[in-house]
Amino acid sequence: MDRMASPKSVLPRIREHVQNFNYDCSSNGESWLLQRLAAFRAAVVFDVGANVGNWLAEAYAALSSSQFHAFEAVGSTAAMLQERFGNKPRITTNSFGLWNKSTTITLHVWDCWSEVASYMLYTHSGRYRTVACPVQSGDEYMQSNEINRIDLQG
């Protein structure tokens, strides 16, 4: 007779996978996926919430013919992104986020862990602060950069 796992043993594993706080491209599957996406030769790639650019670095290496637009709304983090990638060909860094309209929004920022800066208040440990951050309409950004369409795969 097959035994079913108890909810007490399964629920923590489900929660872990849903929250997925693994931001390491080499172990969370993102590097693997980028290698496979290279065959599609995407013309333009957006990295929305680019942080300091760890995913951007992986994507830049894997997608050698793509143009990248990286967006980071938190000013101090955007400065690090600009310093890291500002002189790279094929990369445009932006010190604002994308939103449904151009405005200012409040983000939650954990100074000790910038990867979790977010509009949503997650249940991360540690202290956080709120920061007013500029955002721009995606339509406005695309129009001003002559990007005519977005193709989504999924």
N, C-alpha and C. Protein backbone atom coordinates (compact mmCIF):
# COMPACT_ATOMS: atom_id res chain seq x y z
N MET A 1 0.83 -1.17 0.00
CA MET A 1 0.00 0.00 0.00
C MET A 1 0.89 1.25 0.00
N ASP A 2 0.59 2.20 -0.89
CA ASP A 2 1.35 3.44 -0.95
C ASP A 2 0.96 4.35 0.21
N ARG A 3 1.97 5.00 0.76
CA ARG A 3 1.70 5.95 1.84
C ARG A 3 1.76 7.35 1.28
N MET A 4 0.83 8.16 1.68
CA MET A 4 0.83 9.56 1.28
C MET A 4 1.64 10.35 2.29
N ALA A 5 2.32 11.35 1.80
CA ALA A 5 3.06 12.22 2.70
C ALA A 5 2.06 13.05 3.52
N SER A 6 2.42 13.31 4.73
CA SER A 6 1.54 14.11 5.57
C SER A 6 1.61 15.57 5.17
N PRO A 7 0.52 16.32 5.36
CA PRO A 7 0.57 17.76 5.04
C PRO A 7 1.68 18.49 5.80
N LYS A 8 1.99 18.05 7.01
CA LYS A 8 3.05 18.71 7.77
C LYS A 8 4.41 18.59 7.09
N SER A 9 4.62 17.51 6.35
CA SER A 9 5.91 17.34 5.68
C SER A 9 5.93 17.99 4.30
N VAL A 10 4.78 18.11 3.67
CA VAL A 10 4.71 18.63 2.30
C VAL A 10 4.59 20.16 2.27
N LEU A 11 3.80 20.74 3.14
CA LEU A 11 3.54 22.17 3.08
C LEU A 11 4.78 23.04 3.18
N PRO A 12 5.74 22.74 4.07
CA PRO A 12 6.95 23.58 4.09
C PRO A 12 7.72 23.54 2.77
N ARG A 13 7.73 22.39 2.10
CA ARG A 13 8.43 22.29 0.81
C ARG A 13 7.72 23.10 -0.26
N ILE A 14 6.39 23.07 -0.25
CA ILE A 14 5.63 23.87 -1.21
C ILE A 14 5.90 25.34 -0.98
N ARG A 15 5.86 25.77 0.27
CA ARG A 15 6.12 27.18 0.60
C ARG A 15 7.51 27.60 0.13
N GLU A 16 8.49 26.75 0.33
CA GLU A 16 9.86 27.05 -0.09
C GLU A 16 9.94 27.28 -1.59
N HIS A 17 9.26 26.44 -2.37
CA HIS A 17 9.31 26.56 -3.83
C HIS A 17 8.50 27.75 -4.34
N VAL A 18 7.39 28.05 -3.69
CA VAL A 18 6.58 29.19 -4.10
C VAL A 18 7.32 30.49 -3.82
N GLN A 19 7.92 30.61 -2.66
CA GLN A 19 8.63 31.84 -2.32
C GLN A 19 9.96 31.94 -3.06
N ASN A 20 10.62 30.84 -3.30
CA ASN A 20 11.85 30.77 -4.09
C ASN A 20 12.77 31.96 -3.86
N PHE A 21 13.41 31.99 -2.72
CA PHE A 21 14.34 33.06 -2.40
C PHE A 21 15.76 32.73 -2.85
N ASN A 22 15.90 31.88 -3.86
CA ASN A 22 17.20 31.55 -4.40
C ASN A 22 17.48 32.49 -5.57
N TYR A 23 18.38 33.42 -5.38
CA TYR A 23 18.69 34.41 -6.42
C TYR A 23 19.98 34.09 -7.16
N ASP A 24 20.49 32.87 -7.01
CA ASP A 24 21.73 32.46 -7.66
C ASP A 24 21.39 31.80 -9.00
N CYS A 25 21.69 32.50 -10.09
CA CYS A 25 21.34 32.01 -11.44
C CYS A 25 21.88 30.62 -11.74
N SER A 26 23.04 30.30 -11.19
CA SER A 26 23.66 29.01 -11.51
C SER A 26 22.96 27.84 -10.81
N SER A 27 22.23 28.10 -9.73
CA SER A 27 21.58 27.00 -9.03
C SER A 27 20.05 27.04 -9.09
N ASN A 28 19.45 28.15 -9.52
CA ASN A 28 17.99 28.22 -9.53
C ASN A 28 17.37 27.92 -10.90
N GLY A 29 18.18 27.58 -11.89
CA GLY A 29 17.67 27.20 -13.21
C GLY A 29 17.69 28.32 -14.24
N GLU A 30 17.96 29.55 -13.82
CA GLU A 30 17.93 30.66 -14.78
C GLU A 30 19.05 30.58 -15.81
N SER A 31 20.25 30.18 -15.41
CA SER A 31 21.35 30.04 -16.38
C SER A 31 21.02 28.97 -17.41
N TRP A 32 20.47 27.88 -16.95
CA TRP A 32 20.06 26.79 -17.85
C TRP A 32 19.05 27.30 -18.86
N LEU A 33 18.05 28.04 -18.39
CA LEU A 33 17.01 28.56 -19.27
C LEU A 33 17.59 29.57 -20.26
N LEU A 34 18.45 30.45 -19.82
CA LEU A 34 19.05 31.43 -20.73
C LEU A 34 19.82 30.76 -21.86
N GLN A 35 20.54 29.68 -21.55
CA GLN A 35 21.28 28.96 -22.59
C GLN A 35 20.33 28.41 -23.66
N ARG A 36 19.17 27.97 -23.25
CA ARG A 36 18.19 27.44 -24.20
C ARG A 36 17.49 28.56 -24.98
N LEU A 37 17.29 29.70 -24.34
CA LEU A 37 16.65 30.83 -25.01
C LEU A 37 17.54 31.47 -26.07
N ALA A 38 18.83 31.25 -26.00
CA ALA A 38 19.76 31.84 -26.96
C ALA A 38 19.40 31.48 -28.41
N ALA A 39 18.85 30.31 -28.61
CA ALA A 39 18.48 29.87 -29.96
C ALA A 39 17.40 30.76 -30.58
N PHE A 40 16.62 31.46 -29.77
CA PHE A 40 15.54 32.31 -30.28
C PHE A 40 16.03 33.69 -30.72
N ARG A 41 17.28 34.03 -30.40
CA ARG A 41 17.92 35.27 -30.84
C ARG A 41 17.03 36.50 -30.60
N ALA A 42 16.65 36.71 -29.35
CA ALA A 42 15.81 37.86 -28.99
C ALA A 42 16.52 39.16 -29.35
N ALA A 43 15.81 40.07 -29.99
CA ALA A 43 16.40 41.34 -30.37
C ALA A 43 16.57 42.26 -29.16
N VAL A 44 15.56 42.30 -28.30
CA VAL A 44 15.56 43.19 -27.15
C VAL A 44 15.14 42.41 -25.92
N VAL A 45 15.86 42.62 -24.82
CA VAL A 45 15.55 41.97 -23.54
C VAL A 45 15.45 43.05 -22.47
N PHE A 46 14.36 43.01 -21.70
CA PHE A 46 14.20 43.91 -20.56
C PHE A 46 14.53 43.15 -19.29
N ASP A 47 15.31 43.76 -18.41
CA ASP A 47 15.54 43.25 -17.06
C ASP A 47 14.90 44.27 -16.12
N VAL A 48 13.70 43.98 -15.70
CA VAL A 48 12.92 44.90 -14.87
C VAL A 48 13.15 44.52 -13.41
N GLY A 49 13.70 45.45 -12.65
CA GLY A 49 14.14 45.14 -11.29
C GLY A 49 15.51 44.51 -11.35
N ALA A 50 16.42 45.14 -12.09
CA ALA A 50 17.73 44.56 -12.40
C ALA A 50 18.65 44.44 -11.20
N ASN A 51 18.36 45.19 -10.15
CA ASN A 51 19.20 45.16 -8.96
C ASN A 51 20.62 45.54 -9.36
N VAL A 52 21.63 44.79 -8.93
CA VAL A 52 23.01 45.11 -9.28
C VAL A 52 23.46 44.41 -10.55
N GLY A 53 22.56 43.66 -11.19
CA GLY A 53 22.84 43.11 -12.51
C GLY A 53 23.35 41.69 -12.57
N ASN A 54 23.12 40.88 -11.56
CA ASN A 54 23.60 39.49 -11.62
C ASN A 54 22.91 38.72 -12.74
N TRP A 55 21.59 38.84 -12.85
CA TRP A 55 20.89 38.16 -13.94
C TRP A 55 21.30 38.77 -15.28
N LEU A 56 21.43 40.08 -15.31
CA LEU A 56 21.83 40.78 -16.54
C LEU A 56 23.18 40.26 -17.05
N ALA A 57 24.12 40.04 -16.16
CA ALA A 57 25.43 39.52 -16.56
C ALA A 57 25.29 38.14 -17.20
N GLU A 58 24.47 37.29 -16.61
CA GLU A 58 24.24 35.94 -17.17
C GLU A 58 23.57 36.04 -18.54
N ALA A 59 22.54 36.89 -18.63
CA ALA A 59 21.80 37.03 -19.89
C ALA A 59 22.70 37.65 -20.97
N TYR A 60 23.51 38.63 -20.62
CA TYR A 60 24.42 39.28 -21.56
C TYR A 60 25.39 38.26 -22.16
N ALA A 61 25.88 37.37 -21.33
CA ALA A 61 26.80 36.33 -21.82
C ALA A 61 26.10 35.30 -22.69
N ALA A 62 24.87 34.95 -22.34
CA ALA A 62 24.16 33.89 -23.06
C ALA A 62 23.52 34.38 -24.34
N LEU A 63 23.06 35.62 -24.36
CA LEU A 63 22.31 36.16 -25.49
C LEU A 63 23.17 37.21 -26.20
N SER A 64 24.11 36.73 -26.96
CA SER A 64 25.18 37.60 -27.48
C SER A 64 24.75 38.57 -28.56
N SER A 65 23.56 38.43 -29.11
CA SER A 65 23.12 39.38 -30.14
C SER A 65 22.00 40.30 -29.65
N SER A 66 21.60 40.16 -28.40
CA SER A 66 20.47 40.94 -27.87
C SER A 66 20.90 42.31 -27.35
N GLN A 67 19.98 43.26 -27.45
CA GLN A 67 20.12 44.57 -26.82
C GLN A 67 19.38 44.48 -25.48
N PHE A 68 19.98 45.02 -24.42
CA PHE A 68 19.39 44.92 -23.08
C PHE A 68 19.01 46.29 -22.55
N HIS A 69 17.87 46.33 -21.88
CA HIS A 69 17.40 47.52 -21.17
C HIS A 69 17.17 47.09 -19.74
N ALA A 70 17.98 47.61 -18.83
CA ALA A 70 17.92 47.23 -17.42
C ALA A 70 17.30 48.37 -16.62
N PHE A 71 16.37 48.02 -15.73
CA PHE A 71 15.64 49.02 -14.95
C PHE A 71 15.83 48.74 -13.47
N GLU A 72 16.24 49.75 -12.73
CA GLU A 72 16.36 49.64 -11.26
C GLU A 72 15.88 50.94 -10.65
N ALA A 73 14.83 50.85 -9.83
CA ALA A 73 14.18 52.04 -9.28
C ALA A 73 14.84 52.57 -8.02
N VAL A 74 15.52 51.71 -7.25
CA VAL A 74 16.16 52.15 -6.00
C VAL A 74 17.47 52.87 -6.38
N GLY A 75 17.55 54.15 -6.04
CA GLY A 75 18.66 54.99 -6.50
C GLY A 75 20.04 54.45 -6.18
N SER A 76 20.28 54.02 -4.94
CA SER A 76 21.61 53.52 -4.57
C SER A 76 21.97 52.25 -5.32
N THR A 77 21.00 51.40 -5.55
CA THR A 77 21.23 50.17 -6.30
C THR A 77 21.41 50.47 -7.78
N ALA A 78 20.64 51.41 -8.30
CA ALA A 78 20.77 51.81 -9.71
C ALA A 78 22.17 52.37 -9.98
N ALA A 79 22.74 53.07 -9.01
CA ALA A 79 24.10 53.61 -9.17
C ALA A 79 25.11 52.47 -9.30
N MET A 80 24.92 51.40 -8.53
CA MET A 80 25.82 50.24 -8.64
C MET A 80 25.65 49.54 -9.98
N LEU A 81 24.41 49.44 -10.45
CA LEU A 81 24.14 48.84 -11.77
C LEU A 81 24.81 49.66 -12.87
N GLN A 82 24.67 50.97 -12.81
CA GLN A 82 25.28 51.86 -13.80
C GLN A 82 26.81 51.73 -13.78
N GLU A 83 27.38 51.68 -12.60
CA GLU A 83 28.84 51.54 -12.50
C GLU A 83 29.31 50.23 -13.11
N ARG A 84 28.55 49.18 -12.92
CA ARG A 84 28.94 47.85 -13.41
C ARG A 84 28.75 47.71 -14.91
N PHE A 85 27.67 48.30 -15.47
CA PHE A 85 27.32 48.04 -16.87
C PHE A 85 27.24 49.27 -17.75
N GLY A 86 27.46 50.45 -17.21
CA GLY A 86 27.26 51.69 -17.95
C GLY A 86 28.08 51.81 -19.22
N ASN A 87 29.23 51.15 -19.28
CA ASN A 87 30.08 51.26 -20.47
C ASN A 87 30.01 50.03 -21.37
N LYS A 88 29.07 49.12 -21.11
CA LYS A 88 28.96 47.90 -21.93
C LYS A 88 28.13 48.18 -23.18
N PRO A 89 28.65 47.75 -24.33
CA PRO A 89 27.81 47.84 -25.53
C PRO A 89 26.60 46.91 -25.39
N ARG A 90 25.51 47.27 -25.98
CA ARG A 90 24.27 46.49 -25.98
C ARG A 90 23.47 46.60 -24.68
N ILE A 91 23.93 47.41 -23.70
CA ILE A 91 23.19 47.54 -22.44
C ILE A 91 22.84 49.00 -22.19
N THR A 92 21.57 49.26 -21.94
CA THR A 92 21.09 50.56 -21.50
C THR A 92 20.60 50.40 -20.07
N THR A 93 21.20 51.14 -19.14
CA THR A 93 20.75 51.08 -17.75
C THR A 93 19.84 52.28 -17.47
N ASN A 94 18.82 52.05 -16.67
CA ASN A 94 17.84 53.07 -16.34
C ASN A 94 17.66 53.13 -14.83
N SER A 95 17.73 54.33 -14.27
CA SER A 95 17.58 54.48 -12.82
C SER A 95 16.14 54.81 -12.45
N PHE A 96 15.24 54.02 -13.00
CA PHE A 96 13.82 54.08 -12.67
C PHE A 96 13.23 52.71 -12.97
N GLY A 97 12.06 52.45 -12.41
CA GLY A 97 11.38 51.20 -12.67
C GLY A 97 10.35 51.37 -13.77
N LEU A 98 9.71 50.27 -14.15
CA LEU A 98 8.60 50.31 -15.09
C LEU A 98 7.31 50.09 -14.32
N TRP A 99 6.28 50.78 -14.74
CA TRP A 99 4.99 50.74 -14.06
C TRP A 99 3.92 50.99 -15.10
N ASN A 100 2.66 51.01 -14.68
CA ASN A 100 1.59 51.26 -15.65
C ASN A 100 1.43 52.75 -15.97
N LYS A 101 2.11 53.62 -15.22
CA LYS A 101 2.11 55.05 -15.50
C LYS A 101 3.38 55.65 -14.92
N SER A 102 3.73 56.82 -15.38
CA SER A 102 4.91 57.52 -14.86
C SER A 102 4.52 58.23 -13.57
N THR A 103 5.21 57.88 -12.48
CA THR A 103 4.88 58.42 -11.16
C THR A 103 6.02 58.09 -10.20
N THR A 104 5.76 58.18 -8.93
CA THR A 104 6.67 57.73 -7.89
C THR A 104 5.95 56.70 -7.05
N ILE A 105 6.60 55.59 -6.74
CA ILE A 105 6.01 54.55 -5.90
C ILE A 105 6.90 54.32 -4.68
N THR A 106 6.34 53.67 -3.69
CA THR A 106 7.10 53.34 -2.48
C THR A 106 7.54 51.89 -2.55
N LEU A 107 8.84 51.67 -2.41
CA LEU A 107 9.39 50.31 -2.37
C LEU A 107 9.92 50.02 -0.98
N HIS A 108 9.90 48.74 -0.61
CA HIS A 108 10.48 48.28 0.65
C HIS A 108 11.90 47.82 0.34
N VAL A 109 12.86 48.32 1.09
CA VAL A 109 14.27 48.06 0.82
C VAL A 109 14.93 47.51 2.07
N TRP A 110 15.57 46.36 1.92
CA TRP A 110 16.38 45.76 2.98
C TRP A 110 17.83 46.12 2.67
N ASP A 111 18.43 46.99 3.45
CA ASP A 111 19.78 47.46 3.17
C ASP A 111 20.81 46.34 3.18
N CYS A 112 20.59 45.32 3.97
CA CYS A 112 21.56 44.23 4.05
C CYS A 112 21.37 43.21 2.93
N TRP A 113 20.30 43.37 2.11
CA TRP A 113 20.00 42.36 1.10
C TRP A 113 19.21 43.01 -0.03
N SER A 114 19.90 43.65 -0.96
CA SER A 114 19.21 44.46 -1.97
C SER A 114 18.37 43.65 -2.94
N GLU A 115 18.61 42.35 -3.05
CA GLU A 115 17.84 41.53 -3.98
C GLU A 115 16.35 41.48 -3.64
N VAL A 116 15.98 41.85 -2.44
CA VAL A 116 14.57 41.74 -2.07
C VAL A 116 13.87 43.10 -1.99
N ALA A 117 14.45 44.14 -2.54
CA ALA A 117 13.74 45.40 -2.63
C ALA A 117 12.48 45.16 -3.45
N SER A 118 11.34 45.56 -2.92
CA SER A 118 10.10 45.16 -3.57
C SER A 118 8.95 46.10 -3.23
N TYR A 119 8.00 46.16 -4.13
CA TYR A 119 6.75 46.86 -3.89
C TYR A 119 5.95 46.14 -2.81
N MET A 120 6.02 44.82 -2.83
CA MET A 120 5.32 43.98 -1.85
C MET A 120 6.17 43.89 -0.58
N LEU A 121 5.51 43.83 0.55
CA LEU A 121 6.21 43.65 1.81
C LEU A 121 6.28 42.16 2.11
N TYR A 122 7.44 41.55 1.83
CA TYR A 122 7.63 40.13 2.05
C TYR A 122 7.96 39.85 3.51
N THR A 123 7.93 38.60 3.87
CA THR A 123 8.20 38.21 5.26
C THR A 123 9.66 37.86 5.46
N HIS A 124 10.55 38.66 4.88
CA HIS A 124 11.98 38.46 5.09
C HIS A 124 12.35 38.92 6.49
N SER A 125 13.39 38.31 7.01
CA SER A 125 13.87 38.76 8.31
C SER A 125 14.71 40.01 8.13
N GLY A 126 14.90 40.72 9.20
CA GLY A 126 15.72 41.91 9.15
C GLY A 126 14.89 43.17 9.03
N ARG A 127 15.57 44.27 9.19
CA ARG A 127 14.91 45.57 9.12
C ARG A 127 14.85 46.07 7.69
N TYR A 128 13.81 46.78 7.41
CA TYR A 128 13.67 47.39 6.09
C TYR A 128 13.26 48.85 6.26
N ARG A 129 13.37 49.57 5.17
CA ARG A 129 12.91 50.95 5.14
C ARG A 129 12.11 51.14 3.86
N THR A 130 11.33 52.19 3.80
CA THR A 130 10.60 52.48 2.56
C THR A 130 11.30 53.62 1.84
N VAL A 131 11.29 53.54 0.51
CA VAL A 131 11.97 54.52 -0.33
C VAL A 131 11.04 54.92 -1.45
N ALA A 132 10.92 56.21 -1.69
CA ALA A 132 10.16 56.72 -2.84
C ALA A 132 11.03 56.55 -4.08
N CYS A 133 10.48 55.89 -5.10
CA CYS A 133 11.27 55.56 -6.29
C CYS A 133 10.53 55.98 -7.56
N PRO A 134 11.27 56.51 -8.54
CA PRO A 134 10.64 56.90 -9.80
C PRO A 134 10.35 55.69 -10.67
N VAL A 135 9.22 55.74 -11.35
CA VAL A 135 8.84 54.70 -12.31
C VAL A 135 8.31 55.39 -13.57
N GLN A 136 8.41 54.70 -14.67
CA GLN A 136 7.94 55.24 -15.94
C GLN A 136 7.00 54.25 -16.59
N SER A 137 6.08 54.75 -17.34
CA SER A 137 5.18 53.89 -18.10
C SER A 137 5.99 53.09 -19.12
N GLY A 138 5.70 51.80 -19.20
CA GLY A 138 6.37 50.96 -20.19
C GLY A 138 6.09 51.42 -21.60
N ASP A 139 4.86 51.87 -21.86
CA ASP A 139 4.51 52.37 -23.19
C ASP A 139 5.35 53.60 -23.55
N GLU A 140 5.50 54.53 -22.59
CA GLU A 140 6.30 55.72 -22.84
C GLU A 140 7.76 55.36 -23.11
N TYR A 141 8.28 54.41 -22.32
CA TYR A 141 9.67 54.02 -22.50
C TYR A 141 9.88 53.39 -23.88
N MET A 142 8.98 52.50 -24.25
CA MET A 142 9.12 51.84 -25.54
C MET A 142 9.03 52.84 -26.69
N GLN A 143 8.10 53.77 -26.59
CA GLN A 143 7.95 54.77 -27.65
C GLN A 143 9.21 55.64 -27.75
N SER A 144 9.74 56.10 -26.62
CA SER A 144 10.91 56.97 -26.67
C SER A 144 12.17 56.24 -27.11
N ASN A 145 12.18 54.91 -27.03
CA ASN A 145 13.34 54.12 -27.46
C ASN A 145 13.07 53.36 -28.75
N GLU A 146 11.97 53.70 -29.41
CA GLU A 146 11.59 53.11 -30.70
C GLU A 146 11.56 51.58 -30.65
N ILE A 147 11.01 51.07 -29.58
CA ILE A 147 10.77 49.62 -29.44
C ILE A 147 9.30 49.41 -29.79
N ASN A 148 9.04 48.69 -30.87
CA ASN A 148 7.70 48.62 -31.42
C ASN A 148 6.82 47.50 -30.89
N ARG A 149 7.42 46.49 -30.29
CA ARG A 149 6.60 45.38 -29.81
C ARG A 149 7.35 44.58 -28.77
N ILE A 150 6.58 43.82 -28.03
CA ILE A 150 7.14 42.88 -27.05
C ILE A 150 6.61 41.50 -27.41
N ASP A 151 7.51 40.55 -27.55
CA ASP A 151 7.12 39.15 -27.76
C ASP A 151 7.32 38.43 -26.45
N LEU A 152 6.30 37.77 -25.97
CA LEU A 152 6.39 37.01 -24.73
C LEU A 152 6.31 35.53 -25.05
N GLN A 153 7.17 34.77 -24.48
CA GLN A 153 7.14 33.33 -24.61
C GLN A 153 6.78 32.76 -23.25
N GLY A 154 5.98 31.76 -23.20
CA GLY A 154 5.66 31.19 -21.90
C GLY A 154 4.54 30.23 -21.97
